[in-house]
Amino acid sequence: MTKEDCFYLGKIVKKYSFKGELLAKLDTDQPDIYENFDAIFIEVNSTLIPFFIEKSQLHKSDLLRLKFEDVTNEADADALMKCDLYLPLDSLPKLEGTKFYFHEIIGYQLNDENFGPVGTVKGVNDSTAQALFEVDRDGIEILIPMNDDFIKTLNRETKTITVNTPPGLIELYLD
């Protein structure tokens, strides 16, 4: 399994017990849908390694408490601290309408109802308070807030997203 076949689920952030249990911070709005998986891939030294889950449950609503089959003590748990978690892409729930996964819209064409064709989505910046489309327009990067009110349509067949941004927002990057 390679990273290209998977999606980033989260990161192991702390140990929970001396018996090798760990807490993972999940990168999702719905952590409960990942509570009953049998296995997960953990990136160790740039390699994805499958770990079988003995037990998992939500902890304080936003962390997932994990007990892996072969992680039985603190030393085993220490080796997995700060490691990233991945799941196969086919385990993602299907989304409809204007809901999407960040990885799925890379390469989509972004159009604005007033401006017209803006460019190609090359990434998503979610390190700010509000996630941003990173759009490439002939070498110029344009950042557009991923505001639900701005996103009008998402067409998976034609790989296009139509937005309606405030007047002048796109032009700020072009002057």
Protein backbone atom coordinates (compact mmCIF):
# COMPACT_ATOMS: atom_id res chain seq x y z
CA MET A 1 0.00 0.00 0.00
CA THR A 2 1.38 3.41 -0.95
CA LYS A 3 0.47 6.87 0.33
CA GLU A 4 -1.12 7.64 -3.05
CA ASP A 5 -3.62 4.83 -2.40
CA CYS A 6 -4.48 6.22 1.03
CA PHE A 7 -5.76 9.31 2.78
CA TYR A 8 -4.30 10.97 5.85
CA LEU A 9 -6.49 10.21 8.85
CA GLY A 10 -4.57 11.80 11.68
CA LYS A 11 -1.61 11.54 14.03
CA ILE A 12 -0.79 9.66 17.21
CA VAL A 13 -0.45 12.41 19.81
CA LYS A 14 0.02 10.73 23.19
CA LYS A 15 0.12 7.54 25.19
CA TYR A 16 -2.96 6.62 27.16
CA SER A 17 -1.81 3.82 29.44
CA PHE A 18 1.23 1.78 30.37
CA LYS A 19 -0.29 -1.12 28.38
CA GLY A 20 0.50 0.43 25.01
CA GLU A 21 -2.74 2.29 24.35
CA LEU A 22 -2.45 5.45 22.28
CA LEU A 23 -4.52 8.53 21.52
CA ALA A 24 -4.81 9.78 17.95
CA LYS A 25 -5.99 13.21 16.82
CA LEU A 26 -8.10 12.63 13.72
CA ASP A 27 -8.26 15.09 10.85
CA THR A 28 -12.03 14.83 10.39
CA ASP A 29 -15.29 16.45 11.37
CA GLN A 30 -16.80 13.02 12.04
CA PRO A 31 -14.37 10.99 14.19
CA ASP A 32 -17.10 8.50 15.14
CA ILE A 33 -17.14 6.90 11.67
CA TYR A 34 -13.54 5.71 12.21
CA GLU A 35 -14.21 4.09 15.57
CA ASN A 36 -14.76 0.50 14.39
CA PHE A 37 -12.02 -0.20 11.86
CA ASP A 38 -10.10 -3.51 12.03
CA ALA A 39 -6.78 -2.15 10.81
CA ILE A 40 -4.98 1.08 10.03
CA PHE A 41 -1.73 2.01 8.31
CA ILE A 42 0.89 3.82 10.38
CA GLU A 43 3.76 5.62 8.68
CA VAL A 44 6.98 4.46 10.34
CA ASN A 45 10.26 5.65 8.79
CA SER A 46 8.47 6.68 5.56
CA THR A 47 6.86 3.24 5.18
CA LEU A 48 3.18 2.43 5.66
CA ILE A 49 2.83 -0.51 8.03
CA PRO A 50 -0.53 -2.17 8.74
CA PHE A 51 -1.49 -2.42 12.41
CA PHE A 52 -4.46 -4.46 13.57
CA ILE A 53 -6.78 -2.76 16.03
CA GLU A 54 -7.73 -4.76 19.09
CA LYS A 55 -9.96 -2.04 20.52
CA SER A 56 -10.84 1.58 19.72
CA GLN A 57 -13.17 4.18 21.13
CA LEU A 58 -13.66 7.92 21.09
CA HIS A 59 -11.95 9.75 23.92
CA LYS A 60 -13.18 13.22 24.89
CA SER A 61 -15.05 13.43 21.57
CA ASP A 62 -12.14 14.45 19.32
CA LEU A 63 -9.46 11.85 20.07
CA LEU A 64 -9.51 8.17 19.16
CA ARG A 65 -8.17 5.80 21.80
CA LEU A 66 -6.45 2.88 20.09
CA LYS A 67 -5.18 -0.47 21.31
CA PHE A 68 -3.17 -2.32 18.67
CA GLU A 69 -2.65 -6.09 18.76
CA ASP A 70 1.15 -6.08 18.95
CA VAL A 71 1.65 -2.91 20.98
CA THR A 72 1.66 -4.14 24.57
CA ASN A 73 3.88 -1.75 26.55
CA GLU A 74 5.13 1.80 26.82
CA ALA A 75 8.25 1.13 24.73
CA ASP A 76 6.12 -0.17 21.84
CA ALA A 77 3.85 2.86 22.18
CA ASP A 78 6.81 5.27 22.30
CA ALA A 79 7.98 3.97 18.93
CA LEU A 80 4.66 5.09 17.38
CA MET A 81 4.44 8.54 18.96
CA LYS A 82 3.86 11.37 16.44
CA CYS A 83 3.39 8.87 13.60
CA ASP A 84 0.79 9.63 10.91
CA LEU A 85 -2.23 7.39 10.37
CA TYR A 86 -3.62 6.42 6.96
CA LEU A 87 -6.54 4.45 5.56
CA PRO A 88 -7.17 3.22 1.99
CA LEU A 89 -9.04 5.71 -0.21
CA ASP A 90 -11.82 3.18 -0.81
CA SER A 91 -12.74 3.30 2.89
CA LEU A 92 -13.83 6.92 2.64
CA PRO A 93 -17.59 7.45 2.81
CA LYS A 94 -18.97 8.77 -0.49
CA LEU A 95 -19.89 12.46 -0.41
CA GLU A 96 -22.57 14.13 -2.50
CA GLY A 97 -23.54 17.63 -3.53
CA THR A 98 -21.00 20.33 -2.76
CA LYS A 99 -19.32 18.29 -0.01
CA PHE A 100 -15.85 16.99 -0.94
CA TYR A 101 -12.56 15.68 0.37
CA PHE A 102 -9.62 18.01 0.00
CA HIS A 103 -7.55 15.45 -1.93
CA GLU A 104 -10.34 14.76 -4.43
CA ILE A 105 -10.55 18.31 -5.85
CA ILE A 106 -6.88 18.66 -6.81
CA GLY A 107 -6.85 19.31 -10.56
CA TYR A 108 -10.45 20.55 -10.68
CA GLN A 109 -11.17 23.71 -12.68
CA LEU A 110 -12.50 26.54 -10.52
CA ASN A 111 -14.93 29.01 -12.05
CA ASP A 112 -16.48 32.10 -10.50
CA GLU A 113 -20.06 33.04 -11.45
CA ASN A 114 -19.04 36.67 -12.05
CA PHE A 115 -15.33 36.47 -13.00
CA GLY A 116 -15.46 33.35 -15.16
CA PRO A 117 -12.68 30.71 -15.31
CA VAL A 118 -10.25 31.31 -12.44
CA GLY A 119 -7.78 28.41 -12.77
CA THR A 120 -6.88 24.94 -11.55
CA VAL A 121 -7.12 23.87 -7.91
CA LYS A 122 -3.58 22.84 -6.99
CA GLY A 123 -4.13 22.37 -3.27
CA VAL A 124 -5.97 23.28 -0.11
CA ASN A 125 -4.50 25.37 2.67
CA ASP A 126 -6.12 24.31 5.90
CA SER A 127 -3.52 25.78 8.24
CA THR A 128 -5.52 28.99 8.65
CA ALA A 129 -8.76 29.60 10.56
CA GLN A 130 -10.66 29.01 7.31
CA ALA A 131 -9.56 26.53 4.65
CA LEU A 132 -8.57 28.08 1.31
CA PHE A 133 -8.61 26.83 -2.28
CA GLU A 134 -5.10 27.26 -3.73
CA VAL A 135 -5.77 28.03 -7.38
CA ASP A 136 -3.14 28.30 -10.11
CA ARG A 137 -3.93 30.84 -12.83
CA ASP A 138 -1.06 30.81 -15.32
CA GLY A 139 1.56 30.76 -12.55
CA ILE A 140 -0.26 33.18 -10.23
CA GLU A 141 -1.57 31.72 -6.98
CA ILE A 142 -5.08 32.82 -6.04
CA LEU A 143 -6.46 31.97 -2.59
CA ILE A 144 -10.23 31.65 -2.26
CA PRO A 145 -11.94 30.92 1.07
CA MET A 146 -13.76 27.57 1.20
CA ASN A 147 -16.90 29.19 2.48
CA ASP A 148 -20.08 27.11 2.08
CA ASP A 149 -21.88 30.26 0.93
CA PHE A 150 -19.30 30.77 -1.87
CA ILE A 151 -19.41 27.20 -3.24
CA LYS A 152 -22.35 26.92 -5.64
CA THR A 153 -21.75 23.68 -7.55
CA LEU A 154 -19.30 20.81 -7.64
CA ASN A 155 -19.38 18.54 -10.68
CA ARG A 156 -17.36 15.34 -10.24
CA GLU A 157 -17.92 14.28 -13.87
CA THR A 158 -16.51 17.46 -15.44
CA LYS A 159 -14.14 18.10 -12.49
CA THR A 160 -15.34 21.67 -12.01
CA ILE A 161 -16.22 23.80 -9.01
CA THR A 162 -18.29 26.95 -9.38
CA VAL A 163 -18.04 29.63 -6.71
CA ASN A 164 -19.52 33.07 -6.22
CA THR A 165 -16.92 35.22 -4.49
CA PRO A 166 -17.24 38.83 -3.34
CA PRO A 167 -16.57 41.35 -6.13
CA GLY A 168 -12.89 42.19 -6.45
CA LEU A 169 -11.50 39.21 -4.50
CA ILE A 170 -9.96 37.45 -7.51
CA GLU A 171 -8.81 40.71 -9.09
CA LEU A 172 -6.72 41.46 -5.97
CA TYR A 173 -4.30 38.75 -7.07
CA LEU A 174 -4.15 39.89 -10.69
CA ASP A 175 -3.30 43.57 -10.30
